Amino acid sequence: MKKIILTVSFLLVNVAFLIAQAPPGGGPTGDPIGGAVPIDGGISFLVAAGIAYAGKKFYDKKKENKTEITEE
């Protein structure tokens, strides 16, 4: 019972810290939080990396199948 009371009191004390967040919105210059960073550059890089990774996997699989055929 003492453990439950201690846990509940701990959670109630920490609720104030969870609620005390800065309001959403811009800073003094009106920019959004985190700055005005374009998302397009990162997405383009991830798509290019994904295509390169898929191409490498396809090449490795094709090479593996080719060596299996020649070994038989």
PDB file of N, CA and C in Angstrom:
ATOM      1  N   MET A   1       0.829  -1.190   0.000  1.00  0.00           N
ATOM      2  CA  MET A   1       0.000   0.000   0.000  1.00  0.00           C
ATOM      3  C   MET A   1       0.879   1.263   0.000  1.00  0.00           C
ATOM      4  N   LYS A   2       1.976   1.205   0.760  1.00  0.00           N
ATOM      5  CA  LYS A   2       2.871   2.346   0.828  1.00  0.00           C
ATOM      6  C   LYS A   2       3.498   2.624  -0.542  1.00  0.00           C
ATOM      7  N   LYS A   3       3.770   1.561  -1.289  1.00  0.00           N
ATOM      8  CA  LYS A   3       4.365   1.706  -2.615  1.00  0.00           C
ATOM      9  C   LYS A   3       3.392   2.398  -3.572  1.00  0.00           C
ATOM     10  N   ILE A   4       2.126   2.071  -3.473  1.00  0.00           N
ATOM     11  CA  ILE A   4       1.113   2.676  -4.350  1.00  0.00           C
ATOM     12  C   ILE A   4       0.965   4.163  -4.032  1.00  0.00           C
ATOM     13  N   ILE A   5       0.921   4.499  -2.764  1.00  0.00           N
ATOM     14  CA  ILE A   5       0.785   5.904  -2.367  1.00  0.00           C
ATOM     15  C   ILE A   5       2.003   6.699  -2.830  1.00  0.00           C
ATOM     16  N   LEU A   6       3.165   6.132  -2.688  1.00  0.00           N
ATOM     17  CA  LEU A   6       4.386   6.798  -3.128  1.00  0.00           C
ATOM     18  C   LEU A   6       4.381   7.017  -4.646  1.00  0.00           C
ATOM     19  N   THR A   7       3.944   6.022  -5.392  1.00  0.00           N
ATOM     20  CA  THR A   7       3.893   6.132  -6.854  1.00  0.00           C
ATOM     21  C   THR A   7       2.890   7.191  -7.288  1.00  0.00           C
ATOM     22  N   VAL A   8       1.701   7.185  -6.688  1.00  0.00           N
ATOM     23  CA  VAL A   8       0.666   8.167  -7.048  1.00  0.00           C
ATOM     24  C   VAL A   8       1.133   9.571  -6.707  1.00  0.00           C
ATOM     25  N   SER A   9       1.740   9.766  -5.559  1.00  0.00           N
ATOM     26  CA  SER A   9       2.212  11.097  -5.193  1.00  0.00           C
ATOM     27  C   SER A   9       3.340  11.552  -6.125  1.00  0.00           C
ATOM     28  N   PHE A  10       4.198  10.650  -6.519  1.00  0.00           N
ATOM     29  CA  PHE A  10       5.270  10.981  -7.457  1.00  0.00           C
ATOM     30  C   PHE A  10       4.685  11.436  -8.795  1.00  0.00           C
ATOM     31  N   LEU A  11       3.676  10.725  -9.280  1.00  0.00           N
ATOM     32  CA  LEU A  11       3.058  11.095 -10.560  1.00  0.00           C
ATOM     33  C   LEU A  11       2.342  12.432 -10.470  1.00  0.00           C
ATOM     34  N   LEU A  12       1.677  12.692  -9.356  1.00  0.00           N
ATOM     35  CA  LEU A  12       0.960  13.960  -9.202  1.00  0.00           C
ATOM     36  C   LEU A  12       1.926  15.142  -9.131  1.00  0.00           C
ATOM     37  N   VAL A  13       3.068  14.964  -8.511  1.00  0.00           N
ATOM     38  CA  VAL A  13       4.048  16.042  -8.432  1.00  0.00           C
ATOM     39  C   VAL A  13       4.646  16.311  -9.815  1.00  0.00           C
ATOM     40  N   ASN A  14       4.869  15.282 -10.589  1.00  0.00           N
ATOM     41  CA  ASN A  14       5.512  15.450 -11.899  1.00  0.00           C
ATOM     42  C   ASN A  14       4.563  15.904 -12.994  1.00  0.00           C
ATOM     43  N   VAL A  15       3.269  15.912 -12.747  1.00  0.00           N
ATOM     44  CA  VAL A  15       2.321  16.387 -13.760  1.00  0.00           C
ATOM     45  C   VAL A  15       2.576  17.854 -14.067  1.00  0.00           C
ATOM     46  N   ALA A  16       2.950  18.624 -13.084  1.00  0.00           N
ATOM     47  CA  ALA A  16       3.223  20.045 -13.307  1.00  0.00           C
ATOM     48  C   ALA A  16       4.360  20.232 -14.305  1.00  0.00           C
ATOM     49  N   PHE A  17       5.359  19.381 -14.261  1.00  0.00           N
ATOM     50  CA  PHE A  17       6.472  19.494 -15.202  1.00  0.00           C
ATOM     51  C   PHE A  17       6.060  19.079 -16.607  1.00  0.00           C
ATOM     52  N   LEU A  18       5.134  18.156 -16.713  1.00  0.00           N
ATOM     53  CA  LEU A  18       4.685  17.707 -18.025  1.00  0.00           C
ATOM     54  C   LEU A  18       3.810  18.748 -18.713  1.00  0.00           C
ATOM     55  N   ILE A  19       3.058  19.503 -17.937  1.00  0.00           N
ATOM     56  CA  ILE A  19       2.164  20.497 -18.507  1.00  0.00           C
ATOM     57  C   ILE A  19       2.906  21.795 -18.812  1.00  0.00           C
ATOM     58  N   ALA A  20       3.977  22.088 -18.100  1.00  0.00           N
ATOM     59  CA  ALA A  20       4.676  23.354 -18.222  1.00  0.00           C
ATOM     60  C   ALA A  20       5.575  23.371 -19.447  1.00  0.00           C
ATOM     61  N   GLN A  21       4.962  23.354 -20.622  1.00  0.00           N
ATOM     62  CA  GLN A  21       5.721  23.438 -21.864  1.00  0.00           C
ATOM     63  C   GLN A  21       5.463  24.784 -22.514  1.00  0.00           C
ATOM     64  N   ALA A  22       6.362  25.188 -23.350  1.00  0.00           N
ATOM     65  CA  ALA A  22       6.200  26.454 -24.046  1.00  0.00           C
ATOM     66  C   ALA A  22       5.021  26.348 -25.016  1.00  0.00           C
ATOM     67  N   PRO A  23       4.276  27.403 -25.183  1.00  0.00           N
ATOM     68  CA  PRO A  23       3.160  27.359 -26.125  1.00  0.00           C
ATOM     69  C   PRO A  23       3.679  27.251 -27.557  1.00  0.00           C
ATOM     70  N   PRO A  24       2.925  26.593 -28.424  1.00  0.00           N
ATOM     71  CA  PRO A  24       3.379  26.497 -29.815  1.00  0.00           C
ATOM     72  C   PRO A  24       3.330  27.868 -30.476  1.00  0.00           C
ATOM     73  N   GLY A  25       4.177  28.032 -31.436  1.00  0.00           N
ATOM     74  CA  GLY A  25       4.206  29.297 -32.147  1.00  0.00           C
ATOM     75  C   GLY A  25       5.633  29.725 -32.398  1.00  0.00           C
ATOM     76  N   GLY A  26       5.759  30.860 -33.005  1.00  0.00           N
ATOM     77  CA  GLY A  26       7.072  31.335 -33.373  1.00  0.00           C
ATOM     78  C   GLY A  26       7.784  32.054 -32.260  1.00  0.00           C
ATOM     79  N   GLY A  27       9.013  32.301 -32.524  1.00  0.00           N
ATOM     80  CA  GLY A  27       9.823  33.063 -31.597  1.00  0.00           C
ATOM     81  C   GLY A  27       9.567  34.549 -31.805  1.00  0.00           C
ATOM     82  N   PRO A  28      10.494  35.377 -31.346  1.00  0.00           N
ATOM     83  CA  PRO A  28      10.290  36.820 -31.487  1.00  0.00           C
ATOM     84  C   PRO A  28      10.271  37.283 -32.939  1.00  0.00           C
ATOM     85  N   THR A  29      10.882  36.537 -33.841  1.00  0.00           N
ATOM     86  CA  THR A  29      10.888  36.943 -35.251  1.00  0.00           C
ATOM     87  C   THR A  29       9.702  36.370 -36.008  1.00  0.00           C
ATOM     88  N   GLY A  30       8.911  35.509 -35.377  1.00  0.00           N
ATOM     89  CA  GLY A  30       7.756  34.936 -36.044  1.00  0.00           C
ATOM     90  C   GLY A  30       8.047  33.628 -36.741  1.00  0.00           C
ATOM     91  N   ASP A  31       9.308  33.172 -36.689  1.00  0.00           N
ATOM     92  CA  ASP A  31       9.644  31.887 -37.306  1.00  0.00           C
ATOM     93  C   ASP A  31       9.071  30.753 -36.468  1.00  0.00           C
ATOM     94  N   PRO A  32       8.747  29.648 -37.103  1.00  0.00           N
ATOM     95  CA  PRO A  32       8.266  28.499 -36.324  1.00  0.00           C
ATOM     96  C   PRO A  32       9.375  27.939 -35.438  1.00  0.00           C
ATOM     97  N   ILE A  33       8.976  27.187 -34.435  1.00  0.00           N
ATOM     98  CA  ILE A  33       9.958  26.583 -33.531  1.00  0.00           C
ATOM     99  C   ILE A  33      10.851  25.657 -34.341  1.00  0.00           C
ATOM    100  N   GLY A  34      12.140  25.754 -34.167  1.00  0.00           N
ATOM    101  CA  GLY A  34      13.086  24.933 -34.906  1.00  0.00           C
ATOM    102  C   GLY A  34      13.587  25.620 -36.157  1.00  0.00           C
ATOM    103  N   GLY A  35      13.065  26.784 -36.462  1.00  0.00           N
ATOM    104  CA  GLY A  35      13.505  27.518 -37.637  1.00  0.00           C
ATOM    105  C   GLY A  35      12.732  27.108 -38.876  1.00  0.00           C
ATOM    106  N   ALA A  36      12.959  27.810 -39.929  1.00  0.00           N
ATOM    107  CA  ALA A  36      12.274  27.546 -41.182  1.00  0.00           C
ATOM    108  C   ALA A  36      13.143  26.638 -42.042  1.00  0.00           C
ATOM    109  N   VAL A  37      13.240  25.375 -41.670  1.00  0.00           N
ATOM    110  CA  VAL A  37      14.085  24.427 -42.378  1.00  0.00           C
ATOM    111  C   VAL A  37      13.252  23.739 -43.460  1.00  0.00           C
ATOM    112  N   PRO A  38      13.703  23.731 -44.709  1.00  0.00           N
ATOM    113  CA  PRO A  38      12.942  23.043 -45.753  1.00  0.00           C
ATOM    114  C   PRO A  38      13.030  21.522 -45.589  1.00  0.00           C
ATOM    115  N   ILE A  39      11.920  20.868 -45.783  1.00  0.00           N
ATOM    116  CA  ILE A  39      11.870  19.416 -45.632  1.00  0.00           C
ATOM    117  C   ILE A  39      12.330  18.734 -46.918  1.00  0.00           C
ATOM    118  N   ASP A  40      12.215  19.399 -48.038  1.00  0.00           N
ATOM    119  CA  ASP A  40      12.470  18.789 -49.337  1.00  0.00           C
ATOM    120  C   ASP A  40      13.879  18.232 -49.462  1.00  0.00           C
ATOM    121  N   GLY A  41      14.873  18.903 -48.983  1.00  0.00           N
ATOM    122  CA  GLY A  41      16.246  18.428 -49.126  1.00  0.00           C
ATOM    123  C   GLY A  41      16.468  17.098 -48.434  1.00  0.00           C
ATOM    124  N   GLY A  42      15.930  16.933 -47.247  1.00  0.00           N
ATOM    125  CA  GLY A  42      16.090  15.687 -46.518  1.00  0.00           C
ATOM    126  C   GLY A  42      15.339  14.538 -47.155  1.00  0.00           C
ATOM    127  N   ILE A  43      14.140  14.814 -47.627  1.00  0.00           N
ATOM    128  CA  ILE A  43      13.333  13.762 -48.260  1.00  0.00           C
ATOM    129  C   ILE A  43      13.985  13.312 -49.562  1.00  0.00           C
ATOM    130  N   SER A  44      14.504  14.248 -50.326  1.00  0.00           N
ATOM    131  CA  SER A  44      15.171  13.887 -51.579  1.00  0.00           C
ATOM    132  C   SER A  44      16.373  12.990 -51.314  1.00  0.00           C
ATOM    133  N   PHE A  45      17.131  13.323 -50.264  1.00  0.00           N
ATOM    134  CA  PHE A  45      18.291  12.504 -49.909  1.00  0.00           C
ATOM    135  C   PHE A  45      17.853  11.105 -49.492  1.00  0.00           C
ATOM    136  N   LEU A  46      16.801  11.008 -48.677  1.00  0.00           N
ATOM    137  CA  LEU A  46      16.332   9.697 -48.238  1.00  0.00           C
ATOM    138  C   LEU A  46      15.814   8.850 -49.398  1.00  0.00           C
ATOM    139  N   VAL A  47      15.114   9.469 -50.332  1.00  0.00           N
ATOM    140  CA  VAL A  47      14.620   8.734 -51.503  1.00  0.00           C
ATOM    141  C   VAL A  47      15.797   8.242 -52.342  1.00  0.00           C
ATOM    142  N   ALA A  48      16.780   9.104 -52.554  1.00  0.00           N
ATOM    143  CA  ALA A  48      17.954   8.707 -53.340  1.00  0.00           C
ATOM    144  C   ALA A  48      18.712   7.578 -52.645  1.00  0.00           C
ATOM    145  N   ALA A  49      18.848   7.661 -51.319  1.00  0.00           N
ATOM    146  CA  ALA A  49      19.535   6.608 -50.578  1.00  0.00           C
ATOM    147  C   ALA A  49      18.752   5.296 -50.651  1.00  0.00           C
ATOM    148  N   GLY A  50      17.426   5.380 -50.583  1.00  0.00           N
ATOM    149  CA  GLY A  50      16.590   4.181 -50.689  1.00  0.00           C
ATOM    150  C   GLY A  50      16.703   3.523 -52.051  1.00  0.00           C
ATOM    151  N   ILE A  51      16.731   4.328 -53.096  1.00  0.00           N
ATOM    152  CA  ILE A  51      16.871   3.784 -54.450  1.00  0.00           C
ATOM    153  C   ILE A  51      18.246   3.132 -54.618  1.00  0.00           C
ATOM    154  N   ALA A  52      19.288   3.777 -54.088  1.00  0.00           N
ATOM    155  CA  ALA A  52      20.628   3.196 -54.181  1.00  0.00           C
ATOM    156  C   ALA A  52      20.711   1.885 -53.405  1.00  0.00           C
ATOM    157  N   TYR A  53      20.099   1.837 -52.229  1.00  0.00           N
ATOM    158  CA  TYR A  53      20.112   0.623 -51.414  1.00  0.00           C
ATOM    159  C   TYR A  53      19.351  -0.505 -52.109  1.00  0.00           C
ATOM    160  N   ALA A  54      18.199  -0.195 -52.688  1.00  0.00           N
ATOM    161  CA  ALA A  54      17.429  -1.208 -53.410  1.00  0.00           C
ATOM    162  C   ALA A  54      18.187  -1.703 -54.638  1.00  0.00           C
ATOM    163  N   GLY A  55      18.853  -0.794 -55.333  1.00  0.00           N
ATOM    164  CA  GLY A  55      19.645  -1.191 -56.485  1.00  0.00           C
ATOM    165  C   GLY A  55      20.797  -2.101 -56.100  1.00  0.00           C
ATOM    166  N   LYS A  56      21.451  -1.796 -55.001  1.00  0.00           N
ATOM    167  CA  LYS A  56      22.546  -2.646 -54.518  1.00  0.00           C
ATOM    168  C   LYS A  56      22.037  -4.027 -54.136  1.00  0.00           C
ATOM    169  N   LYS A  57      20.903  -4.092 -53.441  1.00  0.00           N
ATOM    170  CA  LYS A  57      20.322  -5.384 -53.065  1.00  0.00           C
ATOM    171  C   LYS A  57      19.940  -6.190 -54.309  1.00  0.00           C
ATOM    172  N   PHE A  58      19.358  -5.514 -55.293  1.00  0.00           N
ATOM    173  CA  PHE A  58      18.962  -6.184 -56.528  1.00  0.00           C
ATOM    174  C   PHE A  58      20.191  -6.723 -57.256  1.00  0.00           C
ATOM    175  N   TYR A  59      21.257  -5.898 -57.323  1.00  0.00           N
ATOM    176  CA  TYR A  59      22.498  -6.311 -57.985  1.00  0.00           C
ATOM    177  C   TYR A  59      23.118  -7.519 -57.278  1.00  0.00           C
ATOM    178  N   ASP A  60      23.159  -7.476 -55.938  1.00  0.00           N
ATOM    179  CA  ASP A  60      23.731  -8.592 -55.178  1.00  0.00           C
ATOM    180  C   ASP A  60      22.919  -9.867 -55.372  1.00  0.00           C
ATOM    181  N   LYS A  61      21.607  -9.747 -55.377  1.00  0.00           N
ATOM    182  CA  LYS A  61      20.753 -10.922 -55.556  1.00  0.00           C
ATOM    183  C   LYS A  61      20.925 -11.505 -56.965  1.00  0.00           C
ATOM    184  N   LYS A  62      21.024 -10.628 -57.959  1.00  0.00           N
ATOM    185  CA  LYS A  62      21.207 -11.078 -59.336  1.00  0.00           C
ATOM    186  C   LYS A  62      22.564 -11.772 -59.490  1.00  0.00           C
ATOM    187  N   LYS A  63      23.602 -11.215 -58.869  1.00  0.00           N
ATOM    188  CA  LYS A  63      24.933 -11.802 -58.917  1.00  0.00           C
ATOM    189  C   LYS A  63      24.958 -13.153 -58.209  1.00  0.00           C
ATOM    190  N   GLU A  64      24.248 -13.269 -57.092  1.00  0.00           N
ATOM    191  CA  GLU A  64      24.178 -14.532 -56.356  1.00  0.00           C
ATOM    192  C   GLU A  64      23.481 -15.609 -57.174  1.00  0.00           C
ATOM    193  N   ASN A  65      22.396 -15.245 -57.826  1.00  0.00           N
ATOM    194  CA  ASN A  65      21.680 -16.217 -58.678  1.00  0.00           C
ATOM    195  C   ASN A  65      22.540 -16.648 -59.861  1.00  0.00           C
ATOM    196  N   LYS A  66      23.313 -15.740 -60.414  1.00  0.00           N
ATOM    197  CA  LYS A  66      24.162 -16.050 -61.561  1.00  0.00           C
ATOM    198  C   LYS A  66      25.261 -17.036 -61.158  1.00  0.00           C
ATOM    199  N   THR A  67      25.843 -16.872 -59.962  1.00  0.00           N
ATOM    200  CA  THR A  67      26.890 -17.789 -59.522  1.00  0.00           C
ATOM    201  C   THR A  67      26.323 -19.159 -59.191  1.00  0.00           C
ATOM    202  N   GLU A  68      25.073 -19.230 -58.720  1.00  0.00           N
ATOM    203  CA  GLU A  68      24.440 -20.520 -58.462  1.00  0.00           C
ATOM    204  C   GLU A  68      24.240 -21.316 -59.739  1.00  0.00           C
ATOM    205  N   ILE A  69      23.876 -20.612 -60.807  1.00  0.00           N
ATOM    206  CA  ILE A  69      23.627 -21.266 -62.090  1.00  0.00           C
ATOM    207  C   ILE A  69      24.942 -21.785 -62.667  1.00  0.00           C
ATOM    208  N   THR A  70      26.005 -21.007 -62.572  1.00  0.00           N
ATOM    209  CA  THR A  70      27.286 -21.439 -63.145  1.00  0.00           C
ATOM    210  C   THR A  70      27.942 -22.546 -62.327  1.00  0.00           C
ATOM    211  N   GLU A  71      27.639 -22.659 -61.052  1.00  0.00           N
ATOM    212  CA  GLU A  71      28.224 -23.707 -60.208  1.00  0.00           C
ATOM    213  C   GLU A  71      27.588 -25.065 -60.482  1.00  0.00           C
ATOM    214  N   GLU A  72      26.378 -25.098 -60.976  1.00  0.00           N
ATOM    215  CA  GLU A  72      25.698 -26.372 -61.220  1.00  0.00           C
ATOM    216  C   GLU A  72      26.186 -27.029 -62.446  1.00  0.00           C
TER     217      GLU A  72
END
